[in-house]
Amino acid sequence: MDKVDAFLAQNIIKQSVLYKNIATKVKQGDYDILFYFSNIEKLEVFLLMQNLIKDASQKVFLFRQAWTMAECNYMYIDEIKKFFLEYKDMIMTEKEKDYLENLPNKFTIYRGANIPSEIDKGISWSIDKKTANKFIKMPKTLFLEVANGRTLPFVYNLRKKQIKKENVICYINERNEDEIIYWER
């Protein structure tokens, strides 16, 4: 076994031990374990433990907490979409449901992101253009090095879409971001 194989084997063992520790705590009803992880890891940990949580309202509460704190969740986008579709009526508060109900039948949503590949993969949009602009944290123009030492400018774009209300999955205003959960189906 070379060094790389040994390193990978150690990480797999560490992850399985971590999962067992998480599973033990969750089975005992200790859901606070989710909050010991970084914002980047919270959603991943939630997705690992969601099937151990029998109470649907507790599961949705923890998902909503993990979602609103999450960063960079594209590795799990299919699982996230599945969760939103299954629990969308429970995810939104009554106030959020009323707000969504009162939106026009067609409206504009916006999306900004740090990394160019994130902008089209994401499902989190905002009704508010200023909020979407906050998610463009890098300079507007960045020069990317390409073959033979040449550089090309890359401009970060803000995405804008006109959508129908019937295609919205959820509206969440947990962080006053007027967040619309939306993807092409």
N, C-alpha and C. Protein backbone atom coordinates (compact mmCIF):
# COMPACT_ATOMS: atom_id res chain seq x y z
N MET A 1 0.86 -1.17 0.00
CA MET A 1 0.00 0.00 0.00
C MET A 1 0.90 1.23 0.00
N ASP A 2 0.72 2.11 -0.99
CA ASP A 2 1.54 3.32 -1.04
C ASP A 2 0.94 4.39 -0.12
N LYS A 3 1.62 5.54 -0.03
CA LYS A 3 1.20 6.61 0.89
C LYS A 3 -0.19 7.15 0.57
N VAL A 4 -0.50 7.27 -0.71
CA VAL A 4 -1.81 7.79 -1.10
C VAL A 4 -2.91 6.82 -0.66
N ASP A 5 -2.71 5.53 -0.92
CA ASP A 5 -3.70 4.53 -0.51
C ASP A 5 -3.88 4.51 1.00
N ALA A 6 -2.77 4.61 1.71
CA ALA A 6 -2.83 4.63 3.18
C ALA A 6 -3.60 5.86 3.67
N PHE A 7 -3.33 7.00 3.05
CA PHE A 7 -4.03 8.24 3.42
C PHE A 7 -5.53 8.11 3.17
N LEU A 8 -5.90 7.59 2.00
CA LEU A 8 -7.31 7.41 1.66
C LEU A 8 -7.98 6.43 2.62
N ALA A 9 -7.30 5.34 2.94
CA ALA A 9 -7.86 4.35 3.87
C ALA A 9 -8.09 4.97 5.24
N GLN A 10 -7.13 5.79 5.71
CA GLN A 10 -7.29 6.45 7.01
C GLN A 10 -8.49 7.38 7.00
N ASN A 11 -8.67 8.13 5.91
CA ASN A 11 -9.80 9.06 5.84
C ASN A 11 -11.13 8.32 5.81
N ILE A 12 -11.20 7.21 5.12
CA ILE A 12 -12.43 6.42 5.09
C ILE A 12 -12.75 5.91 6.49
N ILE A 13 -11.75 5.45 7.20
CA ILE A 13 -11.95 4.98 8.58
C ILE A 13 -12.41 6.12 9.47
N LYS A 14 -11.76 7.29 9.35
CA LYS A 14 -12.16 8.46 10.15
C LYS A 14 -13.59 8.85 9.85
N GLN A 15 -13.98 8.84 8.58
CA GLN A 15 -15.35 9.21 8.21
C GLN A 15 -16.36 8.21 8.74
N SER A 16 -16.03 6.93 8.69
CA SER A 16 -16.99 5.94 9.20
C SER A 16 -17.12 6.05 10.72
N VAL A 17 -16.02 6.34 11.42
CA VAL A 17 -16.09 6.55 12.87
C VAL A 17 -16.90 7.80 13.16
N LEU A 18 -16.69 8.87 12.40
CA LEU A 18 -17.45 10.11 12.57
C LEU A 18 -18.94 9.85 12.34
N TYR A 19 -19.26 9.13 11.28
CA TYR A 19 -20.67 8.82 11.00
C TYR A 19 -21.29 8.03 12.15
N LYS A 20 -20.56 7.04 12.67
CA LYS A 20 -21.09 6.25 13.79
C LYS A 20 -21.33 7.13 15.01
N ASN A 21 -20.42 8.07 15.28
CA ASN A 21 -20.60 8.99 16.40
C ASN A 21 -21.81 9.89 16.20
N ILE A 22 -21.96 10.41 14.99
CA ILE A 22 -23.12 11.25 14.66
C ILE A 22 -24.39 10.42 14.81
N ALA A 23 -24.41 9.24 14.24
CA ALA A 23 -25.60 8.38 14.28
C ALA A 23 -25.99 8.05 15.71
N THR A 24 -25.02 7.76 16.55
CA THR A 24 -25.31 7.45 17.95
C THR A 24 -25.99 8.63 18.63
N LYS A 25 -25.44 9.83 18.43
CA LYS A 25 -26.03 11.03 19.06
C LYS A 25 -27.44 11.31 18.53
N VAL A 26 -27.61 11.20 17.23
CA VAL A 26 -28.92 11.47 16.63
C VAL A 26 -29.95 10.46 17.12
N LYS A 27 -29.57 9.19 17.20
CA LYS A 27 -30.50 8.17 17.69
C LYS A 27 -30.90 8.43 19.14
N GLN A 28 -30.02 9.11 19.87
CA GLN A 28 -30.32 9.47 21.26
C GLN A 28 -31.11 10.78 21.34
N GLY A 29 -31.39 11.37 20.19
CA GLY A 29 -32.16 12.62 20.16
C GLY A 29 -31.30 13.87 20.31
N ASP A 30 -29.99 13.72 20.22
CA ASP A 30 -29.08 14.87 20.33
C ASP A 30 -28.83 15.44 18.93
N TYR A 31 -29.70 16.36 18.52
CA TYR A 31 -29.58 16.95 17.19
C TYR A 31 -28.63 18.14 17.17
N ASP A 32 -28.20 18.58 18.33
CA ASP A 32 -27.28 19.73 18.40
C ASP A 32 -25.95 19.43 17.74
N ILE A 33 -25.65 18.17 17.52
CA ILE A 33 -24.38 17.81 16.88
C ILE A 33 -24.22 18.52 15.54
N LEU A 34 -25.31 18.79 14.87
CA LEU A 34 -25.28 19.49 13.59
C LEU A 34 -24.56 20.83 13.71
N PHE A 35 -24.74 21.49 14.83
CA PHE A 35 -24.21 22.84 15.00
C PHE A 35 -22.75 22.87 15.43
N TYR A 36 -22.14 21.70 15.63
CA TYR A 36 -20.71 21.64 15.92
C TYR A 36 -19.87 21.73 14.66
N PHE A 37 -20.51 21.62 13.51
CA PHE A 37 -19.79 21.60 12.24
C PHE A 37 -19.78 22.99 11.60
N SER A 38 -18.85 23.20 10.71
CA SER A 38 -18.75 24.48 10.01
C SER A 38 -19.95 24.65 9.08
N ASN A 39 -20.17 25.89 8.62
CA ASN A 39 -21.28 26.16 7.71
C ASN A 39 -21.17 25.34 6.43
N ILE A 40 -19.96 25.06 6.02
CA ILE A 40 -19.75 24.27 4.80
C ILE A 40 -20.18 22.82 5.03
N GLU A 41 -20.01 22.32 6.25
CA GLU A 41 -20.29 20.91 6.54
C GLU A 41 -21.71 20.64 7.04
N LYS A 42 -22.40 21.66 7.53
CA LYS A 42 -23.71 21.46 8.18
C LYS A 42 -24.71 20.71 7.29
N LEU A 43 -24.82 21.12 6.06
CA LEU A 43 -25.79 20.49 5.17
C LEU A 43 -25.41 19.04 4.88
N GLU A 44 -24.14 18.79 4.69
CA GLU A 44 -23.67 17.43 4.46
C GLU A 44 -23.99 16.54 5.66
N VAL A 45 -23.73 17.04 6.87
CA VAL A 45 -24.01 16.26 8.07
C VAL A 45 -25.51 16.03 8.20
N PHE A 46 -26.31 17.06 7.93
CA PHE A 46 -27.76 16.88 7.98
C PHE A 46 -28.19 15.77 7.01
N LEU A 47 -27.70 15.82 5.78
CA LEU A 47 -28.09 14.82 4.78
C LEU A 47 -27.68 13.42 5.21
N LEU A 48 -26.56 13.31 5.92
CA LEU A 48 -26.12 12.01 6.43
C LEU A 48 -27.08 11.48 7.50
N MET A 49 -27.58 12.40 8.34
CA MET A 49 -28.36 11.94 9.49
C MET A 49 -29.87 12.04 9.30
N GLN A 50 -30.35 12.59 8.20
CA GLN A 50 -31.79 12.84 8.06
C GLN A 50 -32.65 11.59 8.19
N ASN A 51 -32.17 10.47 7.71
CA ASN A 51 -32.99 9.24 7.79
C ASN A 51 -33.09 8.69 9.20
N LEU A 52 -32.25 9.18 10.09
CA LEU A 52 -32.30 8.75 11.48
C LEU A 52 -33.30 9.56 12.30
N ILE A 53 -33.76 10.67 11.73
CA ILE A 53 -34.69 11.56 12.43
C ILE A 53 -36.10 11.16 12.02
N LYS A 54 -36.85 10.65 12.96
CA LYS A 54 -38.19 10.13 12.65
C LYS A 54 -39.26 11.22 12.63
N ASP A 55 -39.11 12.23 13.45
CA ASP A 55 -40.10 13.30 13.53
C ASP A 55 -39.91 14.27 12.36
N ALA A 56 -40.90 14.34 11.48
CA ALA A 56 -40.78 15.16 10.26
C ALA A 56 -40.60 16.64 10.58
N SER A 57 -41.29 17.16 11.59
CA SER A 57 -41.15 18.59 11.91
C SER A 57 -39.74 18.89 12.43
N GLN A 58 -39.17 17.98 13.20
CA GLN A 58 -37.79 18.15 13.68
C GLN A 58 -36.82 18.09 12.50
N LYS A 59 -37.07 17.16 11.58
CA LYS A 59 -36.22 17.01 10.40
C LYS A 59 -36.23 18.29 9.57
N VAL A 60 -37.42 18.85 9.35
CA VAL A 60 -37.55 20.07 8.55
C VAL A 60 -36.90 21.25 9.27
N PHE A 61 -37.09 21.34 10.59
CA PHE A 61 -36.46 22.41 11.37
C PHE A 61 -34.94 22.36 11.20
N LEU A 62 -34.35 21.18 11.35
CA LEU A 62 -32.90 21.03 11.22
C LEU A 62 -32.42 21.31 9.79
N PHE A 63 -33.21 20.85 8.81
CA PHE A 63 -32.84 21.14 7.42
C PHE A 63 -32.82 22.65 7.19
N ARG A 64 -33.85 23.32 7.63
CA ARG A 64 -33.95 24.77 7.42
C ARG A 64 -32.77 25.49 8.08
N GLN A 65 -32.40 25.06 9.28
CA GLN A 65 -31.24 25.65 9.95
C GLN A 65 -29.96 25.40 9.15
N ALA A 66 -29.77 24.17 8.73
CA ALA A 66 -28.56 23.82 7.96
C ALA A 66 -28.56 24.57 6.62
N TRP A 67 -29.72 24.64 5.96
CA TRP A 67 -29.81 25.31 4.66
C TRP A 67 -29.46 26.79 4.77
N THR A 68 -30.01 27.46 5.75
CA THR A 68 -29.80 28.91 5.83
C THR A 68 -28.38 29.25 6.27
N MET A 69 -27.66 28.30 6.83
CA MET A 69 -26.26 28.54 7.21
C MET A 69 -25.29 27.98 6.19
N ALA A 70 -25.80 27.20 5.26
CA ALA A 70 -24.93 26.44 4.35
C ALA A 70 -24.19 27.32 3.36
N GLU A 71 -23.04 26.83 2.98
CA GLU A 71 -22.24 27.42 1.92
C GLU A 71 -21.81 26.27 1.01
N CYS A 72 -21.79 26.54 -0.25
CA CYS A 72 -21.21 25.59 -1.20
C CYS A 72 -21.82 24.19 -1.08
N ASN A 73 -23.04 24.03 -1.55
CA ASN A 73 -23.75 22.77 -1.38
C ASN A 73 -23.98 22.01 -2.69
N TYR A 74 -23.17 22.25 -3.69
CA TYR A 74 -23.43 21.69 -5.01
C TYR A 74 -23.17 20.20 -5.13
N MET A 75 -22.35 19.65 -4.23
CA MET A 75 -22.08 18.21 -4.30
C MET A 75 -23.33 17.40 -3.99
N TYR A 76 -24.27 18.01 -3.29
CA TYR A 76 -25.46 17.30 -2.82
C TYR A 76 -26.74 17.85 -3.44
N ILE A 77 -26.64 18.49 -4.57
CA ILE A 77 -27.78 19.22 -5.12
C ILE A 77 -28.98 18.31 -5.39
N ASP A 78 -28.76 17.08 -5.83
CA ASP A 78 -29.89 16.19 -6.09
C ASP A 78 -30.63 15.82 -4.80
N GLU A 79 -29.87 15.55 -3.72
CA GLU A 79 -30.48 15.24 -2.43
C GLU A 79 -31.24 16.45 -1.88
N ILE A 80 -30.67 17.63 -2.08
CA ILE A 80 -31.30 18.87 -1.59
C ILE A 80 -32.61 19.11 -2.35
N LYS A 81 -32.58 18.97 -3.65
CA LYS A 81 -33.80 19.15 -4.44
C LYS A 81 -34.88 18.17 -4.00
N LYS A 82 -34.49 16.94 -3.79
CA LYS A 82 -35.44 15.91 -3.35
C LYS A 82 -36.07 16.31 -2.01
N PHE A 83 -35.25 16.81 -1.09
CA PHE A 83 -35.77 17.22 0.22
C PHE A 83 -36.75 18.38 0.07
N PHE A 84 -36.36 19.39 -0.71
CA PHE A 84 -37.25 20.54 -0.92
C PHE A 84 -38.60 20.09 -1.50
N LEU A 85 -38.57 19.23 -2.48
CA LEU A 85 -39.82 18.78 -3.09
C LEU A 85 -40.69 17.98 -2.11
N GLU A 86 -40.04 17.15 -1.32
CA GLU A 86 -40.79 16.31 -0.39
C GLU A 86 -41.41 17.10 0.77
N TYR A 87 -40.68 18.14 1.24
CA TYR A 87 -41.11 18.83 2.45
C TYR A 87 -41.42 20.32 2.24
N LYS A 88 -41.63 20.74 1.00
CA LYS A 88 -41.77 22.17 0.73
C LYS A 88 -42.86 22.84 1.53
N ASP A 89 -43.97 22.18 1.75
CA ASP A 89 -45.05 22.78 2.51
C ASP A 89 -44.70 22.96 3.98
N MET A 90 -43.82 22.12 4.49
CA MET A 90 -43.40 22.23 5.88
C MET A 90 -42.23 23.19 6.06
N ILE A 91 -41.45 23.39 5.01
CA ILE A 91 -40.26 24.25 5.11
C ILE A 91 -40.65 25.70 5.28
N MET A 92 -41.67 26.13 4.55
CA MET A 92 -42.08 27.54 4.62
C MET A 92 -42.94 27.81 5.85
N THR A 93 -42.71 28.98 6.46
CA THR A 93 -43.58 29.43 7.54
C THR A 93 -44.90 29.91 6.93
N GLU A 94 -45.90 30.11 7.75
CA GLU A 94 -47.19 30.63 7.25
C GLU A 94 -47.00 32.00 6.60
N LYS A 95 -46.17 32.82 7.22
CA LYS A 95 -45.90 34.16 6.68
C LYS A 95 -45.24 34.06 5.30
N GLU A 96 -44.31 33.12 5.15
CA GLU A 96 -43.64 32.93 3.85
C GLU A 96 -44.62 32.40 2.80
N LYS A 97 -45.50 31.49 3.20
CA LYS A 97 -46.52 30.97 2.27
C LYS A 97 -47.43 32.10 1.80
N ASP A 98 -47.83 32.98 2.73
CA ASP A 98 -48.68 34.13 2.37
C ASP A 98 -47.96 35.06 1.41
N TYR A 99 -46.68 35.30 1.68
CA TYR A 99 -45.90 36.20 0.82
C TYR A 99 -45.83 35.62 -0.59
N LEU A 100 -45.52 34.34 -0.68
CA LEU A 100 -45.43 33.67 -1.98
C LEU A 100 -46.78 33.72 -2.69
N GLU A 101 -47.82 33.48 -1.97
CA GLU A 101 -49.18 33.51 -2.53
C GLU A 101 -49.50 34.87 -3.15
N ASN A 102 -48.98 35.94 -2.53
CA ASN A 102 -49.29 37.30 -2.99
C ASN A 102 -48.35 37.84 -4.05
N LEU A 103 -47.35 37.06 -4.44
CA LEU A 103 -46.48 37.48 -5.55
C LEU A 103 -47.26 37.45 -6.85
N PRO A 104 -46.87 38.29 -7.82
CA PRO A 104 -47.55 38.23 -9.12
C PRO A 104 -47.30 36.87 -9.80
N ASN A 105 -48.09 36.55 -10.79
CA ASN A 105 -47.95 35.26 -11.48
C ASN A 105 -46.63 35.12 -12.22
N LYS A 106 -46.05 36.25 -12.65
CA LYS A 106 -44.71 36.28 -13.27
C LYS A 106 -43.90 37.34 -12.56
N PHE A 107 -42.64 37.01 -12.26
CA PHE A 107 -41.76 37.99 -11.62
C PHE A 107 -40.31 37.65 -11.92
N THR A 108 -39.41 38.56 -11.55
CA THR A 108 -37.99 38.42 -11.84
C THR A 108 -37.25 37.94 -10.59
N ILE A 109 -36.33 37.01 -10.80
CA ILE A 109 -35.45 36.56 -9.73
C ILE A 109 -34.00 36.77 -10.18
N TYR A 110 -33.09 36.85 -9.19
CA TYR A 110 -31.69 37.14 -9.45
C TYR A 110 -30.82 36.14 -8.69
N ARG A 111 -29.64 35.90 -9.25
CA ARG A 111 -28.68 35.00 -8.60
C ARG A 111 -27.26 35.48 -8.87
N GLY A 112 -26.47 35.55 -7.83
CA GLY A 112 -25.05 35.87 -7.93
C GLY A 112 -24.25 34.81 -7.21
N ALA A 113 -23.00 34.61 -7.61
CA ALA A 113 -22.16 33.59 -6.97
C ALA A 113 -20.69 33.95 -7.10
N ASN A 114 -19.87 33.38 -6.21
CA ASN A 114 -18.41 33.59 -6.26
C ASN A 114 -17.77 32.93 -7.45
N ILE A 115 -18.14 31.70 -7.66
CA ILE A 115 -17.47 30.84 -8.63
C ILE A 115 -18.36 30.71 -9.86
N PRO A 116 -17.80 30.93 -11.04
CA PRO A 116 -18.62 30.92 -12.26
C PRO A 116 -19.49 29.67 -12.42
N SER A 117 -18.96 28.51 -12.10
CA SER A 117 -19.73 27.28 -12.30
C SER A 117 -20.90 27.18 -11.32
N GLU A 118 -20.86 27.92 -10.22
CA GLU A 118 -21.93 27.87 -9.22
C GLU A 118 -23.20 28.56 -9.69
N ILE A 119 -23.04 29.56 -10.51
CA ILE A 119 -24.18 30.41 -10.83
C ILE A 119 -25.30 29.65 -11.52
N ASP A 120 -24.97 28.71 -12.37
CA ASP A 120 -26.00 27.98 -13.09
C ASP A 120 -26.46 26.71 -12.37
N LYS A 121 -25.67 26.23 -11.42
CA LYS A 121 -26.03 25.02 -10.68
C LYS A 121 -26.97 25.32 -9.52
N GLY A 122 -26.89 26.52 -9.01
CA GLY A 122 -27.61 26.84 -7.79
C GLY A 122 -29.11 26.91 -7.93
N ILE A 123 -29.77 26.69 -6.82
CA ILE A 123 -31.24 26.73 -6.77
C ILE A 123 -31.73 27.87 -5.89
N SER A 124 -30.80 28.61 -5.31
CA SER A 124 -31.15 29.71 -4.42
C SER A 124 -31.07 31.03 -5.18
N TRP A 125 -32.21 31.67 -5.34
CA TRP A 125 -32.33 32.93 -6.05
C TRP A 125 -32.94 33.95 -5.10
N SER A 126 -32.98 35.19 -5.51
CA SER A 126 -33.63 36.21 -4.70
C SER A 126 -34.51 37.10 -5.56
N ILE A 127 -35.56 37.59 -4.96
CA ILE A 127 -36.41 38.58 -5.63
C ILE A 127 -35.69 39.92 -5.65
N ASP A 128 -34.76 40.09 -4.72
CA ASP A 128 -34.06 41.36 -4.53
C ASP A 128 -32.69 41.35 -5.22
N LYS A 129 -32.51 42.22 -6.17
CA LYS A 129 -31.25 42.28 -6.92
C LYS A 129 -30.07 42.62 -6.01
N LYS A 130 -30.27 43.51 -5.03
CA LYS A 130 -29.18 43.87 -4.10
C LYS A 130 -28.72 42.66 -3.30
N THR A 131 -29.65 41.84 -2.88
CA THR A 131 -29.30 40.62 -2.14
C THR A 131 -28.46 39.70 -3.02
N ALA A 132 -28.87 39.49 -4.25
CA ALA A 132 -28.12 38.63 -5.17
C ALA A 132 -26.71 39.17 -5.40
N ASN A 133 -26.59 40.49 -5.49
CA ASN A 133 -25.27 41.10 -5.68
C ASN A 133 -24.33 40.85 -4.51
N LYS A 134 -24.87 40.66 -3.31
CA LYS A 134 -24.03 40.39 -2.14
C LYS A 134 -23.27 39.08 -2.28
N PHE A 135 -23.81 38.18 -3.09
CA PHE A 135 -23.17 36.88 -3.25
C PHE A 135 -22.07 36.88 -4.31
N ILE A 136 -21.85 38.01 -4.92
CA ILE A 136 -20.72 38.17 -5.82
C ILE A 136 -19.64 38.86 -4.98
N LYS A 137 -18.82 38.05 -4.33
CA LYS A 137 -17.86 38.57 -3.36
C LYS A 137 -16.49 38.88 -3.96
N MET A 138 -16.27 38.45 -5.18
CA MET A 138 -14.98 38.67 -5.83
C MET A 138 -15.06 39.93 -6.70
N PRO A 139 -13.90 40.42 -7.11
CA PRO A 139 -13.92 41.58 -8.01
C PRO A 139 -14.74 41.26 -9.26
N LYS A 140 -15.32 42.29 -9.84
CA LYS A 140 -16.15 42.09 -11.03
C LYS A 140 -15.38 41.47 -12.19
N THR A 141 -14.11 41.80 -12.31
CA THR A 141 -13.31 41.24 -13.39
C THR A 141 -12.11 40.52 -12.80
N LEU A 142 -11.88 39.33 -13.24
CA LEU A 142 -10.77 38.52 -12.79
C LEU A 142 -10.10 37.98 -14.05
N PHE A 143 -8.78 37.97 -14.07
CA PHE A 143 -8.09 37.45 -15.23
C PHE A 143 -7.68 36.02 -14.97
N LEU A 144 -8.13 35.15 -15.83
CA LEU A 144 -7.82 33.73 -15.70
C LEU A 144 -6.67 33.38 -16.64
N GLU A 145 -5.70 32.66 -16.10
CA GLU A 145 -4.58 32.25 -16.94
C GLU A 145 -5.00 31.06 -17.78
N VAL A 146 -4.69 31.14 -19.05
CA VAL A 146 -4.99 30.05 -19.97
C VAL A 146 -3.69 29.56 -20.57
N ALA A 147 -3.77 28.66 -21.51
CA ALA A 147 -2.59 28.04 -22.12
C ALA A 147 -1.59 29.07 -22.63
N ASN A 148 -0.34 28.73 -22.61
CA ASN A 148 0.77 29.53 -23.13
C ASN A 148 0.93 30.87 -22.41
N GLY A 149 0.53 30.93 -21.14
CA GLY A 149 0.74 32.15 -20.37
C GLY A 149 -0.18 33.30 -20.71
N ARG A 150 -1.13 33.09 -21.61
CA ARG A 150 -2.07 34.16 -21.95
C ARG A 150 -3.11 34.28 -20.85
N THR A 151 -3.70 35.43 -20.74
CA THR A 151 -4.79 35.62 -19.79
C THR A 151 -6.02 36.12 -20.53
N LEU A 152 -7.15 35.72 -20.02
CA LEU A 152 -8.42 36.16 -20.57
C LEU A 152 -9.25 36.75 -19.43
N PRO A 153 -9.95 37.83 -19.68
CA PRO A 153 -10.80 38.36 -18.61
C PRO A 153 -12.03 37.49 -18.41
N PHE A 154 -12.37 37.32 -17.16
CA PHE A 154 -13.61 36.64 -16.84
C PHE A 154 -14.44 37.62 -16.02
N VAL A 155 -15.63 37.90 -16.48
CA VAL A 155 -16.50 38.84 -15.79
C VAL A 155 -17.58 38.04 -15.06
N TYR A 156 -17.70 38.31 -13.77
CA TYR A 156 -18.74 37.66 -12.99
C TYR A 156 -20.07 38.31 -13.32
N ASN A 157 -21.02 37.49 -13.67
CA ASN A 157 -22.33 38.00 -14.06
C ASN A 157 -23.35 37.72 -12.98
N LEU A 158 -24.30 38.59 -12.93
CA LEU A 158 -25.48 38.38 -12.11
C LEU A 158 -26.52 37.79 -13.04
N ARG A 159 -27.12 36.66 -12.66
CA ARG A 159 -28.16 36.05 -13.48
C ARG A 159 -29.51 36.67 -13.14
N LYS A 160 -30.34 36.79 -14.15
CA LYS A 160 -31.67 37.36 -14.00
C LYS A 160 -32.61 36.47 -14.80
N LYS A 161 -33.73 36.10 -14.20
CA LYS A 161 -34.71 35.25 -14.89
C LYS A 161 -36.11 35.74 -14.60
N GLN A 162 -36.92 35.65 -15.58
CA GLN A 162 -38.35 35.90 -15.45
C GLN A 162 -38.99 34.53 -15.25
N ILE A 163 -39.70 34.32 -14.16
CA ILE A 163 -40.29 33.01 -13.89
C ILE A 163 -41.78 33.13 -13.55
N LYS A 164 -42.43 31.99 -13.61
CA LYS A 164 -43.83 31.91 -13.20
C LYS A 164 -43.89 31.45 -11.75
N LYS A 165 -44.78 32.02 -11.00
CA LYS A 165 -44.93 31.67 -9.59
C LYS A 165 -45.18 30.17 -9.41
N GLU A 166 -45.90 29.56 -10.32
CA GLU A 166 -46.22 28.13 -10.21
C GLU A 166 -44.97 27.24 -10.24
N ASN A 167 -43.83 27.79 -10.72
CA ASN A 167 -42.59 27.01 -10.79
C ASN A 167 -41.69 27.19 -9.57
N VAL A 168 -42.10 28.02 -8.63
CA VAL A 168 -41.32 28.24 -7.41
C VAL A 168 -41.51 27.04 -6.49
N ILE A 169 -40.41 26.56 -5.94
CA ILE A 169 -40.48 25.45 -5.00
C ILE A 169 -40.79 25.97 -3.60
N CYS A 170 -40.04 26.97 -3.16
CA CYS A 170 -40.22 27.55 -1.83
C CYS A 170 -39.81 29.02 -1.84
N TYR A 171 -40.35 29.75 -0.89
CA TYR A 171 -39.89 31.10 -0.58
C TYR A 171 -39.43 31.06 0.87
N ILE A 172 -38.20 31.51 1.12
CA ILE A 172 -37.64 31.51 2.48
C ILE A 172 -37.08 32.90 2.75
N ASN A 173 -37.46 33.45 3.87
CA ASN A 173 -36.94 34.77 4.22
C ASN A 173 -36.24 34.76 5.58
N GLU A 174 -35.62 33.64 5.90
CA GLU A 174 -34.94 33.45 7.18
C GLU A 174 -33.91 34.54 7.45
N ARG A 175 -33.15 34.92 6.45
CA ARG A 175 -32.08 35.92 6.63
C ARG A 175 -32.41 37.23 5.91
N ASN A 176 -33.69 37.50 5.73
CA ASN A 176 -34.14 38.71 5.03
C ASN A 176 -33.51 38.83 3.64
N GLU A 177 -33.46 37.69 2.94
CA GLU A 177 -32.87 37.66 1.60
C GLU A 177 -33.91 37.45 0.50
N ASP A 178 -35.16 37.38 0.86
CA ASP A 178 -36.22 37.10 -0.13
C ASP A 178 -35.81 35.97 -1.06
N GLU A 179 -35.45 34.85 -0.45
CA GLU A 179 -34.91 33.70 -1.19
C GLU A 179 -36.02 32.91 -1.87
N ILE A 180 -35.80 32.67 -3.13
CA ILE A 180 -36.68 31.83 -3.94
C ILE A 180 -35.91 30.55 -4.27
N ILE A 181 -36.48 29.41 -3.94
CA ILE A 181 -35.89 28.14 -4.33
C ILE A 181 -36.53 27.76 -5.67
N TYR A 182 -35.69 27.67 -6.68
CA TYR A 182 -36.17 27.50 -8.05
C TYR A 182 -35.13 26.73 -8.87
N TRP A 183 -35.61 25.86 -9.72
CA TRP A 183 -34.77 25.24 -10.75
C TRP A 183 -35.65 24.83 -11.91
N GLU A 184 -35.03 24.75 -13.07
CA GLU A 184 -35.75 24.34 -14.29
C GLU A 184 -36.14 22.87 -14.12
N ARG A 185 -37.39 22.55 -14.41
CA ARG A 185 -37.84 21.16 -14.33
C ARG A 185 -38.47 20.74 -15.63
